[in-house]
Amino acid sequence: MGHKKEEISLIQQQTTQIMSEMVLAAETLANIGPAISLFGSARIKPESEHYQKSEKIAQLLAKAGFSVIAGGGPGIMEAANKGAFEAGGTSIGLHIKLHHEAQANPFLSIELPFKHFVSRKSTFFMHSLAYVVLPGGFGTLDELFEALTLMQTGKVPYGPVILVGPTFWGGLMSWIQEQLTANRLIDTIDPKIFVIANEPEDVVAHLLDFYKEHPEILKLQPNRAV
């Protein structure tokens, strides 16, 4: 019985921490305006074209008036925060402490530290209008499919999910269409929502065109709770 009580106490403690992180994030980000999240690997180096594209995309988004949300760590996350920060925009880092991401990057207007993935992920989706996804591993794939799932289940408004890099993402996109969609395991995804692009200018142009056609979506932030 003692072990059971100790286990329940640990769960209660974690639940309280998660709630506290989400409340702090909601209060901090309540007035950031329209925001776009960028996802991608922490392992990408600054000399990589993926790093450079992430930085450029974020720079263009900031100049277009969007806040930029990224993971606050190194790699693609750093590139996104750097691009927005140096362009004079709002650069938000949702940083979680991991052994290979001990410190947040220095390019943040707003830094939110997290201990738990669940509160961090919910914060991304409660405060983002769209998602730009650069090459990454399991964490990036998790964020990508979470975004699509929340849209298809009506938990967040529909918005563009843009995969950057046809060579990297083309196989996955084909598999989704040929296996998931063809076998009716998912609803058909609007091609204006789920797209592949290569150049930063094309990514931002697609977002601007989408919200020009759907200006009402810009008023929905923060999103409904997920």
C-alpha atoms as a PDB file:
ATOM      1  CA  MET A   1       0.000   0.000   0.000  1.00  0.00           C
ATOM      2  CA  GLY A   2       2.847   2.374   0.810  1.00  0.00           C
ATOM      3  CA  HIS A   3       4.290   1.928  -2.673  1.00  0.00           C
ATOM      4  CA  LYS A   4       0.878   2.678  -4.197  1.00  0.00           C
ATOM      5  CA  LYS A   5       0.544   5.927  -2.234  1.00  0.00           C
ATOM      6  CA  GLU A   6       4.064   6.969  -3.242  1.00  0.00           C
ATOM      7  CA  GLU A   7       3.242   6.277  -6.909  1.00  0.00           C
ATOM      8  CA  ILE A   8       0.028   8.334  -6.744  1.00  0.00           C
ATOM      9  CA  SER A   9       1.897  11.175  -5.072  1.00  0.00           C
ATOM     10  CA  LEU A  10       4.456  11.244  -7.909  1.00  0.00           C
ATOM     11  CA  ILE A  11       1.689  11.331 -10.529  1.00  0.00           C
ATOM     12  CA  GLN A  12      -0.052  14.162  -8.681  1.00  0.00           C
ATOM     13  CA  GLN A  13       3.213  16.069  -8.499  1.00  0.00           C
ATOM     14  CA  GLN A  14       3.822  15.692 -12.231  1.00  0.00           C
ATOM     15  CA  THR A  15       0.240  16.693 -13.028  1.00  0.00           C
ATOM     16  CA  THR A  16       0.622  19.850 -10.962  1.00  0.00           C
ATOM     17  CA  GLN A  17       3.871  20.700 -12.744  1.00  0.00           C
ATOM     18  CA  ILE A  18       2.261  20.188 -16.152  1.00  0.00           C
ATOM     19  CA  MET A  19      -0.680  22.413 -15.237  1.00  0.00           C
ATOM     20  CA  SER A  20       1.658  25.089 -13.913  1.00  0.00           C
ATOM     21  CA  GLU A  21       3.723  25.075 -17.111  1.00  0.00           C
ATOM     22  CA  MET A  22       0.612  25.399 -19.275  1.00  0.00           C
ATOM     23  CA  VAL A  23      -0.825  28.258 -17.237  1.00  0.00           C
ATOM     24  CA  LEU A  24       2.454  30.177 -17.361  1.00  0.00           C
ATOM     25  CA  ALA A  25       2.691  29.637 -21.118  1.00  0.00           C
ATOM     26  CA  ALA A  26      -0.907  30.737 -21.707  1.00  0.00           C
ATOM     27  CA  GLU A  27      -0.387  33.919 -19.701  1.00  0.00           C
ATOM     28  CA  THR A  28       2.944  34.701 -21.347  1.00  0.00           C
ATOM     29  CA  LEU A  29       1.773  34.144 -24.921  1.00  0.00           C
ATOM     30  CA  ALA A  30      -1.720  35.616 -24.634  1.00  0.00           C
ATOM     31  CA  ASN A  31      -0.896  38.672 -26.740  1.00  0.00           C
ATOM     32  CA  ILE A  32       1.721  37.505 -29.246  1.00  0.00           C
ATOM     33  CA  GLY A  33      -0.629  37.850 -32.213  1.00  0.00           C
ATOM     34  CA  PRO A  34      -0.574  35.525 -35.240  1.00  0.00           C
ATOM     35  CA  ALA A  35       2.215  32.984 -34.784  1.00  0.00           C
ATOM     36  CA  ILE A  36       3.804  30.262 -36.895  1.00  0.00           C
ATOM     37  CA  SER A  37       5.680  27.288 -35.439  1.00  0.00           C
ATOM     38  CA  LEU A  38       8.823  25.904 -37.058  1.00  0.00           C
ATOM     39  CA  PHE A  39       9.840  22.305 -36.323  1.00  0.00           C
ATOM     40  CA  GLY A  40      13.053  20.466 -37.155  1.00  0.00           C
ATOM     41  CA  SER A  41      16.078  18.625 -35.838  1.00  0.00           C
ATOM     42  CA  ALA A  42      18.327  19.867 -33.045  1.00  0.00           C
ATOM     43  CA  ARG A  43      21.221  18.086 -34.781  1.00  0.00           C
ATOM     44  CA  ILE A  44      21.359  20.276 -37.890  1.00  0.00           C
ATOM     45  CA  LYS A  45      24.547  22.359 -38.041  1.00  0.00           C
ATOM     46  CA  PRO A  46      24.726  26.060 -39.012  1.00  0.00           C
ATOM     47  CA  GLU A  47      26.527  25.250 -42.265  1.00  0.00           C
ATOM     48  CA  SER A  48      23.614  23.071 -43.420  1.00  0.00           C
ATOM     49  CA  GLU A  49      21.245  24.363 -46.094  1.00  0.00           C
ATOM     50  CA  HIS A  50      18.374  23.295 -43.821  1.00  0.00           C
ATOM     51  CA  TYR A  51      19.632  25.600 -41.062  1.00  0.00           C
ATOM     52  CA  GLN A  52      19.963  28.451 -43.533  1.00  0.00           C
ATOM     53  CA  LYS A  53      16.490  27.888 -44.946  1.00  0.00           C
ATOM     54  CA  SER A  54      14.975  27.821 -41.459  1.00  0.00           C
ATOM     55  CA  GLU A  55      16.688  31.095 -40.611  1.00  0.00           C
ATOM     56  CA  LYS A  56      15.499  32.727 -43.844  1.00  0.00           C
ATOM     57  CA  ILE A  57      11.907  31.502 -43.451  1.00  0.00           C
ATOM     58  CA  ALA A  58      11.725  32.886 -39.921  1.00  0.00           C
ATOM     59  CA  GLN A  59      13.238  36.176 -41.037  1.00  0.00           C
ATOM     60  CA  LEU A  60      10.606  36.560 -43.762  1.00  0.00           C
ATOM     61  CA  LEU A  61       7.801  35.570 -41.377  1.00  0.00           C
ATOM     62  CA  ALA A  62       8.915  38.170 -38.848  1.00  0.00           C
ATOM     63  CA  LYS A  63       9.040  40.856 -41.525  1.00  0.00           C
ATOM     64  CA  ALA A  64       5.524  39.840 -42.595  1.00  0.00           C
ATOM     65  CA  GLY A  65       4.256  40.418 -39.048  1.00  0.00           C
ATOM     66  CA  PHE A  66       4.122  36.886 -37.675  1.00  0.00           C
ATOM     67  CA  SER A  67       5.566  35.801 -34.353  1.00  0.00           C
ATOM     68  CA  VAL A  68       7.814  32.754 -34.667  1.00  0.00           C
ATOM     69  CA  ILE A  69       7.628  29.838 -32.238  1.00  0.00           C
ATOM     70  CA  ALA A  70      10.364  27.199 -32.137  1.00  0.00           C
ATOM     71  CA  GLY A  71      11.798  24.757 -29.636  1.00  0.00           C
ATOM     72  CA  GLY A  72      14.372  27.154 -28.229  1.00  0.00           C
ATOM     73  CA  GLY A  73      17.248  24.688 -28.601  1.00  0.00           C
ATOM     74  CA  PRO A  74      20.020  24.229 -31.192  1.00  0.00           C
ATOM     75  CA  GLY A  75      19.831  23.227 -34.855  1.00  0.00           C
ATOM     76  CA  ILE A  76      16.691  24.111 -36.809  1.00  0.00           C
ATOM     77  CA  MET A  77      15.190  25.610 -33.652  1.00  0.00           C
ATOM     78  CA  GLU A  78      18.113  27.985 -33.215  1.00  0.00           C
ATOM     79  CA  ALA A  79      17.990  28.943 -36.887  1.00  0.00           C
ATOM     80  CA  ALA A  80      14.296  29.811 -36.653  1.00  0.00           C
ATOM     81  CA  ASN A  81      14.730  31.840 -33.490  1.00  0.00           C
ATOM     82  CA  LYS A  82      17.781  33.582 -34.927  1.00  0.00           C
ATOM     83  CA  GLY A  83      16.022  34.562 -38.135  1.00  0.00           C
ATOM     84  CA  ALA A  84      13.054  36.082 -36.321  1.00  0.00           C
ATOM     85  CA  PHE A  85      15.135  37.706 -33.582  1.00  0.00           C
ATOM     86  CA  GLU A  86      17.618  39.392 -35.908  1.00  0.00           C
ATOM     87  CA  ALA A  87      14.773  40.615 -38.131  1.00  0.00           C
ATOM     88  CA  GLY A  88      13.319  42.442 -35.141  1.00  0.00           C
ATOM     89  CA  GLY A  89      10.353  40.094 -34.732  1.00  0.00           C
ATOM     90  CA  THR A  90       9.006  38.166 -31.780  1.00  0.00           C
ATOM     91  CA  SER A  91      11.095  35.028 -31.335  1.00  0.00           C
ATOM     92  CA  ILE A  92       9.615  32.515 -28.902  1.00  0.00           C
ATOM     93  CA  GLY A  93      11.485  29.494 -27.578  1.00  0.00           C
ATOM     94  CA  LEU A  94       9.654  26.615 -25.876  1.00  0.00           C
ATOM     95  CA  HIS A  95      12.746  25.041 -24.414  1.00  0.00           C
ATOM     96  CA  ILE A  96      12.799  21.618 -22.816  1.00  0.00           C
ATOM     97  CA  LYS A  97      15.906  20.503 -20.962  1.00  0.00           C
ATOM     98  CA  LEU A  98      17.416  17.348 -22.471  1.00  0.00           C
ATOM     99  CA  HIS A  99      20.928  15.961 -22.192  1.00  0.00           C
ATOM    100  CA  HIS A 100      21.781  17.199 -25.701  1.00  0.00           C
ATOM    101  CA  GLU A 101      19.831  20.463 -25.377  1.00  0.00           C
ATOM    102  CA  ALA A 102      20.900  21.687 -21.952  1.00  0.00           C
ATOM    103  CA  GLN A 103      20.752  25.397 -22.758  1.00  0.00           C
ATOM    104  CA  ALA A 104      18.314  27.531 -24.689  1.00  0.00           C
ATOM    105  CA  ASN A 105      19.708  29.345 -27.695  1.00  0.00           C
ATOM    106  CA  PRO A 106      20.474  33.085 -27.301  1.00  0.00           C
ATOM    107  CA  PHE A 107      18.027  34.364 -29.953  1.00  0.00           C
ATOM    108  CA  LEU A 108      14.845  34.611 -27.899  1.00  0.00           C
ATOM    109  CA  SER A 109      12.456  37.472 -27.214  1.00  0.00           C
ATOM    110  CA  ILE A 110      10.415  35.145 -25.004  1.00  0.00           C
ATOM    111  CA  GLU A 111      11.812  32.018 -23.363  1.00  0.00           C
ATOM    112  CA  LEU A 112       9.531  29.452 -21.752  1.00  0.00           C
ATOM    113  CA  PRO A 113      11.272  26.541 -20.001  1.00  0.00           C
ATOM    114  CA  PHE A 114       9.519  23.172 -19.834  1.00  0.00           C
ATOM    115  CA  LYS A 115      10.163  19.987 -17.909  1.00  0.00           C
ATOM    116  CA  HIS A 116       7.335  18.000 -19.531  1.00  0.00           C
ATOM    117  CA  PHE A 117       6.747  17.291 -23.218  1.00  0.00           C
ATOM    118  CA  VAL A 118       2.954  17.243 -22.887  1.00  0.00           C
ATOM    119  CA  SER A 119       2.695  20.855 -21.716  1.00  0.00           C
ATOM    120  CA  ARG A 120       5.283  21.994 -24.262  1.00  0.00           C
ATOM    121  CA  LYS A 121       3.500  20.324 -27.174  1.00  0.00           C
ATOM    122  CA  SER A 122       0.121  21.683 -26.107  1.00  0.00           C
ATOM    123  CA  THR A 123       1.613  25.173 -26.018  1.00  0.00           C
ATOM    124  CA  PHE A 124       2.795  24.889 -29.625  1.00  0.00           C
ATOM    125  CA  PHE A 125      -0.650  23.900 -30.845  1.00  0.00           C
ATOM    126  CA  MET A 126      -2.639  26.320 -28.715  1.00  0.00           C
ATOM    127  CA  HIS A 127      -0.716  29.318 -30.047  1.00  0.00           C
ATOM    128  CA  SER A 128       0.137  28.513 -33.678  1.00  0.00           C
ATOM    129  CA  LEU A 129      -1.794  29.222 -36.842  1.00  0.00           C
ATOM    130  CA  ALA A 130       0.405  27.106 -39.128  1.00  0.00           C
ATOM    131  CA  TYR A 131       3.426  24.839 -39.074  1.00  0.00           C
ATOM    132  CA  VAL A 132       6.611  24.824 -41.121  1.00  0.00           C
ATOM    133  CA  VAL A 133       8.411  21.496 -40.860  1.00  0.00           C
ATOM    134  CA  LEU A 134      12.055  21.096 -41.801  1.00  0.00           C
ATOM    135  CA  PRO A 135      14.062  17.854 -41.739  1.00  0.00           C
ATOM    136  CA  GLY A 136      14.129  16.125 -38.380  1.00  0.00           C
ATOM    137  CA  GLY A 137      13.797  12.848 -36.533  1.00  0.00           C
ATOM    138  CA  PHE A 138      11.177  11.244 -34.305  1.00  0.00           C
ATOM    139  CA  GLY A 139      10.440  14.453 -32.389  1.00  0.00           C
ATOM    140  CA  THR A 140       9.790  16.357 -35.604  1.00  0.00           C
ATOM    141  CA  LEU A 141       7.600  13.564 -36.963  1.00  0.00           C
ATOM    142  CA  ASP A 142       5.682  13.526 -33.686  1.00  0.00           C
ATOM    143  CA  GLU A 143       5.000  17.259 -33.976  1.00  0.00           C
ATOM    144  CA  LEU A 144       4.053  16.966 -37.657  1.00  0.00           C
ATOM    145  CA  PHE A 145       1.503  14.202 -37.150  1.00  0.00           C
ATOM    146  CA  GLU A 146       0.156  15.806 -33.975  1.00  0.00           C
ATOM    147  CA  ALA A 147      -0.618  18.967 -35.960  1.00  0.00           C
ATOM    148  CA  LEU A 148      -2.417  17.012 -38.681  1.00  0.00           C
ATOM    149  CA  THR A 149      -4.331  14.911 -36.132  1.00  0.00           C
ATOM    150  CA  LEU A 150      -5.532  17.950 -34.180  1.00  0.00           C
ATOM    151  CA  MET A 151      -6.745  19.590 -37.380  1.00  0.00           C
ATOM    152  CA  GLN A 152      -8.579  16.503 -38.626  1.00  0.00           C
ATOM    153  CA  THR A 153     -10.253  16.008 -35.246  1.00  0.00           C
ATOM    154  CA  GLY A 154     -11.289  19.654 -35.008  1.00  0.00           C
ATOM    155  CA  LYS A 155      -9.211  20.494 -31.956  1.00  0.00           C
ATOM    156  CA  VAL A 156      -7.374  23.369 -33.651  1.00  0.00           C
ATOM    157  CA  PRO A 157      -8.287  25.425 -36.736  1.00  0.00           C
ATOM    158  CA  TYR A 158      -7.078  24.247 -40.127  1.00  0.00           C
ATOM    159  CA  GLY A 159      -3.929  25.981 -41.306  1.00  0.00           C
ATOM    160  CA  PRO A 160      -1.031  25.223 -43.607  1.00  0.00           C
ATOM    161  CA  VAL A 161       1.426  22.481 -42.725  1.00  0.00           C
ATOM    162  CA  ILE A 162       4.391  23.055 -45.018  1.00  0.00           C
ATOM    163  CA  LEU A 163       7.148  20.479 -45.399  1.00  0.00           C
ATOM    164  CA  VAL A 164      10.406  22.096 -46.491  1.00  0.00           C
ATOM    165  CA  GLY A 165      12.526  19.965 -48.814  1.00  0.00           C
ATOM    166  CA  PRO A 166      11.045  17.744 -51.554  1.00  0.00           C
ATOM    167  CA  THR A 167      13.951  15.309 -51.431  1.00  0.00           C
ATOM    168  CA  PHE A 168      13.592  14.732 -47.698  1.00  0.00           C
ATOM    169  CA  TRP A 169       9.783  14.713 -47.464  1.00  0.00           C
ATOM    170  CA  GLY A 170       8.656  13.431 -50.870  1.00  0.00           C
ATOM    171  CA  GLY A 171       8.683   9.755 -49.890  1.00  0.00           C
ATOM    172  CA  LEU A 172       6.625  10.382 -46.772  1.00  0.00           C
ATOM    173  CA  MET A 173       4.081  12.451 -48.667  1.00  0.00           C
ATOM    174  CA  SER A 174       3.719   9.685 -51.292  1.00  0.00           C
ATOM    175  CA  TRP A 175       3.263   7.046 -48.579  1.00  0.00           C
ATOM    176  CA  ILE A 176       0.555   9.109 -46.882  1.00  0.00           C
ATOM    177  CA  GLN A 177      -1.320   9.472 -50.175  1.00  0.00           C
ATOM    178  CA  GLU A 178      -0.807   5.906 -51.417  1.00  0.00           C
ATOM    179  CA  GLN A 179      -1.376   4.081 -48.140  1.00  0.00           C
ATOM    180  CA  LEU A 180      -3.279   6.194 -45.618  1.00  0.00           C
ATOM    181  CA  THR A 181      -5.507   8.190 -47.951  1.00  0.00           C
ATOM    182  CA  ALA A 182      -6.011   5.472 -50.578  1.00  0.00           C
ATOM    183  CA  ASN A 183      -7.007   2.937 -47.906  1.00  0.00           C
ATOM    184  CA  ARG A 184      -9.328   5.480 -46.255  1.00  0.00           C
ATOM    185  CA  LEU A 185      -7.416   5.371 -43.000  1.00  0.00           C
ATOM    186  CA  ILE A 186      -7.471   9.188 -42.872  1.00  0.00           C
ATOM    187  CA  ASP A 187      -9.647  11.897 -44.360  1.00  0.00           C
ATOM    188  CA  THR A 188      -8.331  13.406 -47.568  1.00  0.00           C
ATOM    189  CA  ILE A 189      -6.079  16.357 -46.761  1.00  0.00           C
ATOM    190  CA  ASP A 190      -6.669  19.602 -48.629  1.00  0.00           C
ATOM    191  CA  PRO A 191      -3.604  20.189 -50.860  1.00  0.00           C
ATOM    192  CA  LYS A 192      -3.695  23.852 -49.848  1.00  0.00           C
ATOM    193  CA  ILE A 193      -3.205  22.709 -46.248  1.00  0.00           C
ATOM    194  CA  PHE A 194      -0.535  20.023 -46.571  1.00  0.00           C
ATOM    195  CA  VAL A 195       2.163  20.942 -49.075  1.00  0.00           C
ATOM    196  CA  ILE A 196       5.851  20.558 -49.857  1.00  0.00           C
ATOM    197  CA  ALA A 197       7.934  23.609 -50.712  1.00  0.00           C
ATOM    198  CA  ASN A 198      11.617  24.158 -51.268  1.00  0.00           C
ATOM    199  CA  GLU A 199      12.423  27.858 -51.182  1.00  0.00           C
ATOM    200  CA  PRO A 200      11.821  30.116 -48.148  1.00  0.00           C
ATOM    201  CA  GLU A 201      10.057  32.685 -50.322  1.00  0.00           C
ATOM    202  CA  ASP A 202       7.599  30.029 -51.529  1.00  0.00           C
ATOM    203  CA  VAL A 203       6.857  28.946 -47.957  1.00  0.00           C
ATOM    204  CA  VAL A 204       6.005  32.457 -46.818  1.00  0.00           C
ATOM    205  CA  ALA A 205       4.088  33.279 -50.007  1.00  0.00           C
ATOM    206  CA  HIS A 206       1.891  30.217 -49.468  1.00  0.00           C
ATOM    207  CA  LEU A 207       1.122  31.312 -45.902  1.00  0.00           C
ATOM    208  CA  LEU A 208       0.327  34.881 -46.927  1.00  0.00           C
ATOM    209  CA  ASP A 209      -1.932  33.696 -49.754  1.00  0.00           C
ATOM    210  CA  PHE A 210      -3.751  31.285 -47.430  1.00  0.00           C
ATOM    211  CA  TYR A 211      -4.521  33.948 -44.816  1.00  0.00           C
ATOM    212  CA  LYS A 212      -5.484  36.436 -47.496  1.00  0.00           C
ATOM    213  CA  GLU A 213      -8.168  33.925 -48.505  1.00  0.00           C
ATOM    214  CA  HIS A 214      -9.051  33.116 -44.865  1.00  0.00           C
ATOM    215  CA  PRO A 215      -8.608  36.321 -42.834  1.00  0.00           C
ATOM    216  CA  GLU A 216     -11.087  35.109 -40.215  1.00  0.00           C
ATOM    217  CA  ILE A 217      -8.605  32.473 -39.025  1.00  0.00           C
ATOM    218  CA  LEU A 218      -6.171  35.192 -37.953  1.00  0.00           C
ATOM    219  CA  LYS A 219      -8.635  36.153 -35.210  1.00  0.00           C
ATOM    220  CA  LEU A 220      -8.763  32.688 -33.619  1.00  0.00           C
ATOM    221  CA  GLN A 221      -5.607  32.831 -31.513  1.00  0.00           C
ATOM    222  CA  PRO A 222      -5.130  31.532 -28.957  1.00  0.00           C
ATOM    223  CA  ASN A 223      -6.668  28.309 -30.272  1.00  0.00           C
ATOM    224  CA  ARG A 224      -9.130  26.219 -28.345  1.00  0.00           C
ATOM    225  CA  ALA A 225      -7.572  24.032 -25.700  1.00  0.00           C
ATOM    226  CA  VAL A 226      -6.117  20.750 -26.951  1.00  0.00           C
END
